[in-house]
């Protein structure tokens, strides 16, 4: 029986690299897969790009208006698995459509993404995946202090910020991210608020 999987982790936990490794394993066995990402992820344009330099062109970009179930149902090849990178950017209904693919078409769907944004708020796609996925796995990474990282700190011009739009793509407009443990995250938040209010 096919399942819907959600593999989440903080920034730099190797999500994309592991997705690409899994895709390679399927394809090496001669199995056809579909690789997708939401169009909101403009990093790499039509490619999935890992921080360690791995990259692959996606089979399709998912715009907010797309019906993912209909796209896959109308696909003419025998698909053995669907991989979705940056799944946090999916719409709630699109996560439900992924579940329809699993149930009605019996195709496993493996989603990779962030659980929360830089303000520790859930993304629409990841929140829905946490609610309905058959299997949920945390991919671990560490903070600079050596503790388990759970949060995503956003930096602009090298300085931590806790204001701004939910979506800002890593590497664009001088935005970068750092995986932080709870202690370091809240320490930086307190410092930010202290100087912001002066």
N, C-alpha and C. Protein backbone atom coordinates (compact mmCIF):
# COMPACT_ATOMS: atom_id res chain seq x y z
N UNK A 1 0.84 -1.19 0.00
CA UNK A 1 0.00 0.00 0.00
C UNK A 1 0.88 1.25 0.00
N UNK A 2 0.59 2.18 -0.89
CA UNK A 2 1.34 3.43 -0.97
C UNK A 2 1.06 4.31 0.24
N UNK A 3 2.01 5.20 0.54
CA UNK A 3 1.86 6.10 1.68
C UNK A 3 2.30 7.51 1.29
N UNK A 4 1.83 8.47 2.09
CA UNK A 4 2.29 9.86 1.99
C UNK A 4 3.29 10.08 3.12
N UNK A 5 4.50 10.48 2.74
CA UNK A 5 5.58 10.68 3.70
C UNK A 5 5.91 12.17 3.79
N UNK A 6 6.24 12.61 5.00
CA UNK A 6 6.76 13.97 5.18
C UNK A 6 8.06 13.89 5.95
N UNK A 7 9.13 14.32 5.31
CA UNK A 7 10.45 14.36 5.93
C UNK A 7 10.82 15.83 6.09
N UNK A 8 10.87 16.27 7.34
CA UNK A 8 11.10 17.69 7.62
C UNK A 8 12.36 17.89 8.44
N UNK A 9 12.88 19.08 8.39
CA UNK A 9 14.03 19.43 9.20
C UNK A 9 14.33 20.90 9.06
N UNK A 10 15.19 21.40 9.93
CA UNK A 10 15.62 22.80 9.86
C UNK A 10 16.51 22.97 8.62
N UNK A 11 16.82 24.21 8.31
CA UNK A 11 17.70 24.50 7.19
C UNK A 11 19.00 23.71 7.36
N UNK A 12 19.54 23.27 6.24
CA UNK A 12 20.84 22.60 6.22
C UNK A 12 20.83 21.23 6.89
N UNK A 13 19.66 20.58 6.91
CA UNK A 13 19.60 19.22 7.46
C UNK A 13 19.73 18.16 6.38
N UNK A 14 19.97 18.58 5.15
CA UNK A 14 20.23 17.62 4.07
C UNK A 14 18.99 17.11 3.36
N UNK A 15 17.88 17.82 3.48
CA UNK A 15 16.62 17.35 2.89
C UNK A 15 16.74 17.14 1.39
N UNK A 16 17.21 18.16 0.68
CA UNK A 16 17.29 18.08 -0.78
C UNK A 16 18.30 17.04 -1.23
N UNK A 17 19.43 16.96 -0.55
CA UNK A 17 20.45 15.96 -0.90
C UNK A 17 19.89 14.55 -0.76
N UNK A 18 19.12 14.30 0.31
CA UNK A 18 18.53 12.98 0.50
C UNK A 18 17.42 12.70 -0.51
N UNK A 19 16.66 13.73 -0.87
CA UNK A 19 15.67 13.56 -1.93
C UNK A 19 16.35 13.13 -3.23
N UNK A 20 17.42 13.82 -3.59
CA UNK A 20 18.12 13.49 -4.84
C UNK A 20 18.75 12.11 -4.78
N UNK A 21 19.22 11.70 -3.62
CA UNK A 21 19.77 10.36 -3.47
C UNK A 21 18.67 9.31 -3.66
N UNK A 22 17.50 9.56 -3.07
CA UNK A 22 16.37 8.62 -3.21
C UNK A 22 15.92 8.53 -4.67
N UNK A 23 15.85 9.68 -5.35
CA UNK A 23 15.49 9.69 -6.77
C UNK A 23 16.49 8.85 -7.56
N UNK A 24 17.77 9.04 -7.29
CA UNK A 24 18.82 8.27 -7.98
C UNK A 24 18.63 6.77 -7.76
N UNK A 25 18.30 6.38 -6.53
CA UNK A 25 18.12 4.96 -6.22
C UNK A 25 16.97 4.35 -7.04
N UNK A 26 15.87 5.07 -7.15
CA UNK A 26 14.74 4.58 -7.96
C UNK A 26 15.14 4.47 -9.43
N UNK A 27 15.73 5.54 -9.93
CA UNK A 27 16.06 5.57 -11.36
C UNK A 27 17.14 4.55 -11.73
N UNK A 28 18.05 4.29 -10.79
CA UNK A 28 19.09 3.29 -11.05
C UNK A 28 18.48 1.90 -11.21
N UNK A 29 17.33 1.67 -10.59
CA UNK A 29 16.63 0.40 -10.72
C UNK A 29 15.65 0.39 -11.90
N UNK A 30 15.72 1.45 -12.73
CA UNK A 30 14.88 1.51 -13.92
C UNK A 30 13.45 1.94 -13.65
N UNK A 31 13.20 2.53 -12.50
CA UNK A 31 11.84 2.95 -12.15
C UNK A 31 11.63 4.42 -12.48
N UNK A 32 10.46 4.73 -13.03
CA UNK A 32 10.11 6.10 -13.39
C UNK A 32 9.57 6.83 -12.16
N UNK A 33 10.12 8.01 -11.91
CA UNK A 33 9.63 8.86 -10.81
C UNK A 33 9.28 10.23 -11.38
N UNK A 34 8.50 10.97 -10.61
CA UNK A 34 8.25 12.37 -10.92
C UNK A 34 8.83 13.20 -9.79
N UNK A 35 9.55 14.26 -10.15
CA UNK A 35 10.15 15.16 -9.17
C UNK A 35 9.52 16.54 -9.39
N UNK A 36 9.03 17.12 -8.29
CA UNK A 36 8.34 18.41 -8.38
C UNK A 36 8.76 19.32 -7.25
N UNK A 37 8.47 20.59 -7.43
CA UNK A 37 8.61 21.56 -6.35
C UNK A 37 7.62 22.69 -6.61
N UNK A 38 7.20 23.37 -5.55
CA UNK A 38 6.32 24.53 -5.74
C UNK A 38 7.03 25.65 -6.49
N UNK A 39 6.31 26.34 -7.35
CA UNK A 39 6.89 27.44 -8.12
C UNK A 39 7.33 28.59 -7.22
N UNK A 40 6.79 28.65 -5.99
CA UNK A 40 7.21 29.69 -5.05
C UNK A 40 8.70 29.59 -4.71
N UNK A 41 9.25 28.40 -4.86
CA UNK A 41 10.69 28.22 -4.63
C UNK A 41 11.42 28.58 -5.92
N UNK A 42 11.86 29.83 -6.00
CA UNK A 42 12.50 30.32 -7.23
C UNK A 42 14.00 30.02 -7.27
N UNK A 43 14.54 29.48 -6.20
CA UNK A 43 15.96 29.12 -6.19
C UNK A 43 16.18 27.99 -7.20
N UNK A 44 17.09 28.21 -8.12
CA UNK A 44 17.39 27.19 -9.11
C UNK A 44 16.42 27.14 -10.28
N UNK A 45 15.45 28.05 -10.31
CA UNK A 45 14.44 28.07 -11.38
C UNK A 45 13.77 26.70 -11.51
N UNK A 46 14.03 25.99 -12.61
CA UNK A 46 13.41 24.67 -12.85
C UNK A 46 14.20 23.52 -12.21
N UNK A 47 15.21 23.85 -11.43
CA UNK A 47 16.04 22.81 -10.80
C UNK A 47 15.85 22.79 -9.29
N UNK A 48 16.04 21.60 -8.74
CA UNK A 48 16.18 21.44 -7.31
C UNK A 48 17.68 21.55 -7.05
N UNK A 49 18.05 22.40 -6.09
CA UNK A 49 19.47 22.65 -5.83
C UNK A 49 19.77 22.36 -4.36
N UNK A 50 20.76 21.50 -4.15
CA UNK A 50 21.21 21.18 -2.79
C UNK A 50 22.39 22.05 -2.42
N UNK A 51 22.54 22.32 -1.13
CA UNK A 51 23.66 23.15 -0.66
C UNK A 51 25.01 22.48 -0.90
N UNK A 52 25.03 21.17 -1.09
CA UNK A 52 26.31 20.50 -1.32
C UNK A 52 26.63 20.39 -2.81
N UNK A 53 25.83 21.06 -3.64
CA UNK A 53 26.14 21.15 -5.06
C UNK A 53 25.40 20.20 -5.98
N UNK A 54 24.58 19.31 -5.42
CA UNK A 54 23.78 18.42 -6.25
C UNK A 54 22.60 19.18 -6.83
N UNK A 55 22.19 18.78 -8.01
CA UNK A 55 21.10 19.50 -8.66
C UNK A 55 20.41 18.58 -9.67
N UNK A 56 19.12 18.82 -9.89
CA UNK A 56 18.35 18.05 -10.86
C UNK A 56 17.18 18.89 -11.33
N UNK A 57 16.89 18.76 -12.60
CA UNK A 57 15.72 19.46 -13.15
C UNK A 57 14.45 18.78 -12.65
N UNK A 58 13.45 19.59 -12.30
CA UNK A 58 12.17 19.02 -11.87
C UNK A 58 11.36 18.60 -13.09
N UNK A 59 10.46 17.66 -12.89
CA UNK A 59 9.56 17.25 -13.97
C UNK A 59 8.41 18.24 -14.11
N UNK A 60 8.04 18.88 -12.99
CA UNK A 60 7.04 19.94 -13.09
C UNK A 60 7.08 20.85 -11.87
N UNK A 61 6.78 22.12 -12.12
CA UNK A 61 6.62 23.11 -11.05
C UNK A 61 5.15 23.15 -10.66
N UNK A 62 4.89 23.28 -9.38
CA UNK A 62 3.51 23.33 -8.89
C UNK A 62 3.16 24.78 -8.56
N UNK A 63 2.29 25.38 -9.36
CA UNK A 63 1.83 26.73 -9.06
C UNK A 63 0.68 26.63 -8.05
N UNK A 64 0.35 27.71 -7.35
CA UNK A 64 -0.73 27.65 -6.35
C UNK A 64 -2.07 27.20 -6.93
N UNK A 65 -2.27 27.39 -8.24
CA UNK A 65 -3.55 27.03 -8.87
C UNK A 65 -3.59 25.59 -9.36
N UNK A 66 -2.47 24.92 -9.43
CA UNK A 66 -2.41 23.57 -10.02
C UNK A 66 -3.13 22.52 -9.18
N UNK A 67 -3.79 21.59 -9.88
CA UNK A 67 -4.36 20.41 -9.26
C UNK A 67 -3.35 19.28 -9.48
N UNK A 68 -2.62 18.93 -8.45
CA UNK A 68 -1.54 17.96 -8.57
C UNK A 68 -2.10 16.57 -8.89
N UNK A 69 -3.22 16.23 -8.30
CA UNK A 69 -3.84 14.92 -8.57
C UNK A 69 -4.16 14.77 -10.05
N UNK A 70 -4.80 15.78 -10.64
CA UNK A 70 -5.17 15.70 -12.06
C UNK A 70 -3.93 15.61 -12.94
N UNK A 71 -2.87 16.34 -12.58
CA UNK A 71 -1.64 16.30 -13.36
C UNK A 71 -1.08 14.87 -13.40
N UNK A 72 -0.99 14.26 -12.24
CA UNK A 72 -0.42 12.91 -12.15
C UNK A 72 -1.35 11.88 -12.79
N UNK A 73 -2.64 12.03 -12.57
CA UNK A 73 -3.62 11.08 -13.14
C UNK A 73 -3.54 11.07 -14.67
N UNK A 74 -3.30 12.21 -15.28
CA UNK A 74 -3.24 12.32 -16.73
C UNK A 74 -1.86 12.00 -17.31
N UNK A 75 -0.90 11.72 -16.43
CA UNK A 75 0.45 11.39 -16.89
C UNK A 75 0.42 9.99 -17.50
N UNK A 76 1.05 9.82 -18.64
CA UNK A 76 0.90 8.57 -19.39
C UNK A 76 1.93 7.48 -19.07
N UNK A 77 2.79 7.70 -18.11
CA UNK A 77 3.81 6.69 -17.81
C UNK A 77 3.53 6.03 -16.47
N UNK A 78 4.16 4.87 -16.28
CA UNK A 78 4.00 4.10 -15.05
C UNK A 78 4.90 4.70 -13.97
N UNK A 79 4.34 5.51 -13.09
CA UNK A 79 5.11 6.21 -12.07
C UNK A 79 5.20 5.34 -10.81
N UNK A 80 6.41 5.18 -10.31
CA UNK A 80 6.63 4.36 -9.11
C UNK A 80 6.69 5.19 -7.83
N UNK A 81 7.02 6.48 -7.95
CA UNK A 81 7.10 7.33 -6.76
C UNK A 81 7.11 8.80 -7.20
N UNK A 82 6.58 9.66 -6.34
CA UNK A 82 6.60 11.11 -6.58
C UNK A 82 7.37 11.75 -5.43
N UNK A 83 8.29 12.64 -5.79
CA UNK A 83 9.09 13.35 -4.82
C UNK A 83 8.77 14.84 -4.92
N UNK A 84 8.54 15.48 -3.77
CA UNK A 84 8.24 16.91 -3.75
C UNK A 84 9.23 17.59 -2.81
N UNK A 85 10.00 18.52 -3.35
CA UNK A 85 10.93 19.31 -2.54
C UNK A 85 10.24 20.61 -2.12
N UNK A 86 10.68 21.20 -1.02
CA UNK A 86 10.15 22.47 -0.50
C UNK A 86 8.62 22.40 -0.34
N UNK A 87 8.16 21.28 0.20
CA UNK A 87 6.71 21.02 0.32
C UNK A 87 5.99 22.00 1.23
N UNK A 88 6.74 22.74 2.05
CA UNK A 88 6.10 23.73 2.92
C UNK A 88 5.36 24.79 2.13
N UNK A 89 5.76 24.99 0.86
CA UNK A 89 5.15 26.03 0.03
C UNK A 89 3.88 25.57 -0.70
N UNK A 90 3.47 24.33 -0.51
CA UNK A 90 2.24 23.84 -1.14
C UNK A 90 1.02 24.47 -0.47
N UNK A 91 -0.07 24.53 -1.23
CA UNK A 91 -1.35 24.93 -0.67
C UNK A 91 -1.95 23.74 0.09
N UNK A 92 -2.82 24.01 1.04
CA UNK A 92 -3.45 22.94 1.82
C UNK A 92 -4.15 21.93 0.91
N UNK A 93 -4.90 22.42 -0.06
CA UNK A 93 -5.63 21.53 -0.96
C UNK A 93 -4.69 20.67 -1.78
N UNK A 94 -3.49 21.18 -2.09
CA UNK A 94 -2.54 20.40 -2.87
C UNK A 94 -1.97 19.24 -2.05
N UNK A 95 -1.83 19.43 -0.75
CA UNK A 95 -1.41 18.31 0.10
C UNK A 95 -2.52 17.25 0.11
N UNK A 96 -3.77 17.68 0.17
CA UNK A 96 -4.88 16.74 0.08
C UNK A 96 -4.88 16.01 -1.27
N UNK A 97 -4.50 16.72 -2.33
CA UNK A 97 -4.41 16.08 -3.65
C UNK A 97 -3.28 15.04 -3.68
N UNK A 98 -2.21 15.30 -2.97
CA UNK A 98 -1.14 14.30 -2.87
C UNK A 98 -1.66 13.05 -2.18
N UNK A 99 -2.48 13.24 -1.16
CA UNK A 99 -3.08 12.08 -0.48
C UNK A 99 -4.01 11.33 -1.43
N UNK A 100 -4.73 12.05 -2.29
CA UNK A 100 -5.57 11.39 -3.30
C UNK A 100 -4.73 10.54 -4.25
N UNK A 101 -3.55 11.03 -4.61
CA UNK A 101 -2.64 10.26 -5.47
C UNK A 101 -2.28 8.95 -4.79
N UNK A 102 -1.96 9.03 -3.50
CA UNK A 102 -1.59 7.85 -2.73
C UNK A 102 -2.75 6.86 -2.68
N UNK A 103 -3.94 7.36 -2.36
CA UNK A 103 -5.10 6.48 -2.16
C UNK A 103 -5.67 5.96 -3.46
N UNK A 104 -5.92 6.86 -4.41
CA UNK A 104 -6.61 6.47 -5.64
C UNK A 104 -5.70 5.87 -6.70
N UNK A 105 -4.45 6.35 -6.76
CA UNK A 105 -3.53 5.87 -7.81
C UNK A 105 -2.48 4.90 -7.26
N UNK A 106 -2.45 4.72 -5.94
CA UNK A 106 -1.52 3.81 -5.28
C UNK A 106 -0.05 4.12 -5.61
N UNK A 107 0.27 5.42 -5.63
CA UNK A 107 1.64 5.86 -5.88
C UNK A 107 2.16 6.52 -4.60
N UNK A 108 3.30 6.06 -4.07
CA UNK A 108 3.86 6.72 -2.89
C UNK A 108 4.30 8.14 -3.22
N UNK A 109 4.12 9.04 -2.25
CA UNK A 109 4.54 10.44 -2.40
C UNK A 109 5.43 10.77 -1.21
N UNK A 110 6.65 11.24 -1.50
CA UNK A 110 7.59 11.60 -0.44
C UNK A 110 7.87 13.09 -0.53
N UNK A 111 7.48 13.81 0.52
CA UNK A 111 7.64 15.27 0.58
C UNK A 111 8.76 15.64 1.54
N UNK A 112 9.53 16.63 1.15
CA UNK A 112 10.62 17.14 1.98
C UNK A 112 10.38 18.64 2.18
N UNK A 113 10.63 19.13 3.40
CA UNK A 113 10.45 20.56 3.60
C UNK A 113 10.69 20.99 5.03
N UNK A 114 10.48 22.27 5.23
CA UNK A 114 10.60 22.87 6.56
C UNK A 114 9.30 22.70 7.32
N UNK A 115 9.40 22.62 8.64
CA UNK A 115 8.19 22.58 9.47
C UNK A 115 7.72 23.99 9.76
N UNK A 116 8.67 24.89 10.09
CA UNK A 116 8.31 26.25 10.49
C UNK A 116 9.19 27.27 9.78
N UNK A 117 8.72 28.51 9.78
CA UNK A 117 9.46 29.60 9.15
C UNK A 117 10.41 30.25 10.16
N UNK A 118 10.98 31.39 9.79
CA UNK A 118 11.96 32.07 10.62
C UNK A 118 11.35 32.71 11.88
N UNK A 119 10.02 32.79 11.94
CA UNK A 119 9.33 33.30 13.13
C UNK A 119 8.73 32.16 13.95
N UNK A 120 9.12 30.92 13.61
CA UNK A 120 8.64 29.71 14.29
C UNK A 120 7.14 29.47 14.08
N UNK A 121 6.62 29.96 12.96
CA UNK A 121 5.22 29.71 12.57
C UNK A 121 5.19 28.63 11.49
N UNK A 122 4.15 27.81 11.52
CA UNK A 122 4.02 26.75 10.53
C UNK A 122 3.70 27.29 9.14
N UNK A 123 4.21 26.60 8.14
CA UNK A 123 3.84 26.87 6.76
C UNK A 123 2.55 26.11 6.46
N UNK A 124 1.77 26.60 5.50
CA UNK A 124 0.51 25.94 5.14
C UNK A 124 0.73 24.49 4.72
N UNK A 125 1.67 24.27 3.82
CA UNK A 125 1.89 22.90 3.31
C UNK A 125 2.39 21.95 4.38
N UNK A 126 3.36 22.39 5.17
CA UNK A 126 3.92 21.49 6.18
C UNK A 126 2.92 21.24 7.31
N UNK A 127 2.12 22.24 7.66
CA UNK A 127 1.11 22.03 8.69
C UNK A 127 0.13 20.94 8.26
N UNK A 128 -0.30 21.01 7.00
CA UNK A 128 -1.24 19.98 6.51
C UNK A 128 -0.57 18.62 6.43
N UNK A 129 0.69 18.58 6.01
CA UNK A 129 1.40 17.30 5.97
C UNK A 129 1.53 16.70 7.37
N UNK A 130 1.81 17.52 8.36
CA UNK A 130 1.89 17.02 9.73
C UNK A 130 0.54 16.47 10.20
N UNK A 131 -0.54 17.02 9.66
CA UNK A 131 -1.88 16.57 10.05
C UNK A 131 -2.27 15.25 9.40
N UNK A 132 -1.85 15.01 8.13
CA UNK A 132 -2.42 13.85 7.42
C UNK A 132 -1.42 12.83 6.90
N UNK A 133 -0.12 13.12 6.90
CA UNK A 133 0.84 12.16 6.34
C UNK A 133 0.83 10.84 7.11
N UNK A 134 1.01 9.75 6.38
CA UNK A 134 1.11 8.44 7.02
C UNK A 134 2.36 8.35 7.89
N UNK A 135 3.45 8.85 7.35
CA UNK A 135 4.74 8.74 8.03
C UNK A 135 5.41 10.11 8.09
N UNK A 136 5.86 10.49 9.29
CA UNK A 136 6.52 11.77 9.50
C UNK A 136 7.90 11.49 10.09
N UNK A 137 8.93 12.03 9.44
CA UNK A 137 10.30 11.82 9.90
C UNK A 137 11.00 13.16 10.06
N UNK A 138 11.69 13.32 11.18
CA UNK A 138 12.50 14.52 11.37
C UNK A 138 13.92 14.24 10.89
N UNK A 139 14.44 15.15 10.08
CA UNK A 139 15.82 15.07 9.63
C UNK A 139 16.62 16.05 10.49
N UNK A 140 17.61 15.55 11.16
CA UNK A 140 18.28 16.35 12.19
C UNK A 140 19.53 17.05 11.66
N UNK A 141 19.80 18.20 12.26
CA UNK A 141 21.03 18.93 12.04
C UNK A 141 21.38 19.63 13.35
N UNK A 142 22.53 20.28 13.38
CA UNK A 142 22.97 20.90 14.62
C UNK A 142 23.16 22.41 14.47
N UNK A 143 23.01 23.07 15.60
CA UNK A 143 23.26 24.50 15.73
C UNK A 143 24.78 24.71 15.86
N UNK A 144 25.23 25.93 15.68
CA UNK A 144 26.66 26.22 15.85
C UNK A 144 27.15 25.89 17.25
N UNK A 145 26.25 25.92 18.23
CA UNK A 145 26.64 25.63 19.62
C UNK A 145 26.76 24.13 19.87
N UNK A 146 26.34 23.31 18.88
CA UNK A 146 26.45 21.86 19.01
C UNK A 146 25.17 21.16 19.42
N UNK A 147 24.14 21.91 19.80
CA UNK A 147 22.86 21.30 20.18
C UNK A 147 22.01 21.06 18.93
N UNK A 148 20.95 20.26 19.11
CA UNK A 148 20.04 19.95 18.01
C UNK A 148 19.34 21.22 17.53
N UNK A 149 19.42 21.48 16.23
CA UNK A 149 18.75 22.65 15.63
C UNK A 149 17.31 22.30 15.30
N UNK A 150 16.40 23.21 15.67
CA UNK A 150 14.98 23.03 15.39
C UNK A 150 14.36 24.25 14.72
N UNK A 151 15.07 25.36 14.73
CA UNK A 151 14.54 26.63 14.24
C UNK A 151 15.37 27.13 13.06
N UNK A 152 14.76 28.03 12.28
CA UNK A 152 15.43 28.62 11.13
C UNK A 152 15.59 30.11 11.35
N UNK A 153 16.81 30.54 11.56
CA UNK A 153 17.08 31.96 11.74
C UNK A 153 17.32 32.62 10.39
N UNK A 154 16.62 33.73 10.16
CA UNK A 154 16.81 34.47 8.90
C UNK A 154 17.77 35.62 9.13
N UNK A 155 18.70 35.77 8.20
CA UNK A 155 19.63 36.89 8.24
C UNK A 155 19.52 37.69 6.96
N UNK A 156 19.60 39.00 7.09
CA UNK A 156 19.68 39.90 5.95
C UNK A 156 20.96 40.71 6.14
N UNK A 157 21.80 40.66 5.13
CA UNK A 157 23.13 41.30 5.25
C UNK A 157 23.89 40.80 6.47
N UNK A 158 23.73 39.52 6.79
CA UNK A 158 24.48 38.92 7.90
C UNK A 158 23.94 39.20 9.29
N UNK A 159 22.79 39.90 9.40
CA UNK A 159 22.21 40.20 10.71
C UNK A 159 20.85 39.50 10.84
N UNK A 160 20.63 38.90 12.01
CA UNK A 160 19.37 38.20 12.23
C UNK A 160 18.20 39.17 12.24
N UNK A 161 17.11 38.74 11.62
CA UNK A 161 15.89 39.54 11.60
C UNK A 161 14.70 38.63 11.92
N UNK A 162 13.69 39.21 12.53
CA UNK A 162 12.48 38.47 12.87
C UNK A 162 11.25 39.16 12.31
N UNK A 163 11.47 40.08 11.37
CA UNK A 163 10.39 40.77 10.67
C UNK A 163 10.49 40.47 9.19
N UNK A 164 9.34 40.54 8.52
CA UNK A 164 9.33 40.35 7.07
C UNK A 164 8.32 39.33 6.63
N UNK A 165 8.23 39.15 5.31
CA UNK A 165 7.31 38.18 4.73
C UNK A 165 7.72 36.76 5.11
N UNK A 166 6.75 35.87 5.14
CA UNK A 166 7.04 34.49 5.49
C UNK A 166 8.03 33.86 4.52
N UNK A 167 7.88 34.18 3.24
CA UNK A 167 8.73 33.56 2.23
C UNK A 167 9.77 34.55 1.74
N UNK A 168 11.02 34.19 1.92
CA UNK A 168 12.17 34.90 1.34
C UNK A 168 13.18 33.82 1.01
N UNK A 169 13.50 33.68 -0.26
CA UNK A 169 14.32 32.56 -0.73
C UNK A 169 15.79 32.77 -0.36
N UNK A 170 16.38 31.72 0.17
CA UNK A 170 17.78 31.71 0.57
C UNK A 170 18.67 32.09 -0.62
N UNK A 171 19.56 33.06 -0.38
CA UNK A 171 20.48 33.47 -1.43
C UNK A 171 20.00 34.61 -2.30
N UNK A 172 18.75 35.02 -2.13
CA UNK A 172 18.21 36.15 -2.92
C UNK A 172 18.04 37.36 -2.01
N UNK A 173 18.31 38.54 -2.55
CA UNK A 173 18.16 39.80 -1.80
C UNK A 173 18.94 39.79 -0.48
N UNK A 174 20.13 39.21 -0.51
CA UNK A 174 21.03 39.18 0.66
C UNK A 174 20.43 38.43 1.85
N UNK A 175 19.51 37.50 1.57
CA UNK A 175 18.88 36.68 2.62
C UNK A 175 19.62 35.35 2.72
N UNK A 176 19.97 34.99 3.95
CA UNK A 176 20.52 33.67 4.24
C UNK A 176 19.82 33.13 5.49
N UNK A 177 20.01 31.84 5.72
CA UNK A 177 19.38 31.21 6.88
C UNK A 177 20.42 30.41 7.66
N UNK A 178 20.14 30.26 8.95
CA UNK A 178 21.00 29.46 9.80
C UNK A 178 20.12 28.60 10.70
N UNK A 179 20.45 27.32 10.80
CA UNK A 179 19.73 26.42 11.69
C UNK A 179 20.16 26.69 13.13
N UNK A 180 19.17 26.83 14.02
CA UNK A 180 19.44 27.20 15.41
C UNK A 180 18.73 26.26 16.38
N UNK A 181 19.37 26.02 17.53
CA UNK A 181 18.71 25.30 18.62
C UNK A 181 17.72 26.27 19.29
N UNK A 182 16.78 25.78 20.10
CA UNK A 182 15.84 26.69 20.76
C UNK A 182 16.52 27.77 21.59
N UNK A 183 17.57 27.42 22.32
CA UNK A 183 18.26 28.40 23.17
C UNK A 183 18.83 29.54 22.33
N UNK A 184 19.57 29.21 21.28
CA UNK A 184 20.20 30.24 20.44
C UNK A 184 19.15 31.06 19.69
N UNK A 185 18.07 30.40 19.24
CA UNK A 185 17.01 31.11 18.53
C UNK A 185 16.40 32.20 19.42
N UNK A 186 16.00 31.81 20.63
CA UNK A 186 15.33 32.78 21.50
C UNK A 186 16.31 33.82 22.05
N UNK A 187 17.56 33.46 22.18
CA UNK A 187 18.57 34.44 22.57
C UNK A 187 18.69 35.53 21.49
N UNK A 188 18.70 35.10 20.22
CA UNK A 188 18.79 36.07 19.12
C UNK A 188 17.50 36.89 18.99
N UNK A 189 16.37 36.27 19.25
CA UNK A 189 15.08 36.98 19.21
C UNK A 189 15.03 38.06 20.31
N UNK A 190 15.45 37.72 21.51
CA UNK A 190 15.45 38.69 22.62
C UNK A 190 16.38 39.85 22.30
N UNK A 191 17.57 39.54 21.79
CA UNK A 191 18.52 40.59 21.42
C UNK A 191 17.95 41.48 20.32
N UNK A 192 17.32 40.86 19.32
CA UNK A 192 16.71 41.61 18.21
C UNK A 192 15.64 42.58 18.73
N UNK A 193 14.75 42.07 19.57
CA UNK A 193 13.66 42.91 20.11
C UNK A 193 14.20 44.03 21.00
N UNK A 194 15.26 43.75 21.73
CA UNK A 194 15.86 44.74 22.62
C UNK A 194 16.37 45.93 21.81
N UNK A 195 17.10 45.64 20.72
CA UNK A 195 17.67 46.74 19.92
C UNK A 195 16.65 47.36 18.99
N UNK A 196 15.65 46.59 18.59
CA UNK A 196 14.59 47.12 17.72
C UNK A 196 13.77 48.17 18.44
N UNK A 197 13.55 47.98 19.72
CA UNK A 197 12.70 48.88 20.51
C UNK A 197 13.44 50.10 21.07
N UNK A 198 14.71 50.22 20.75
CA UNK A 198 15.48 51.39 21.24
C UNK A 198 15.28 52.58 20.34
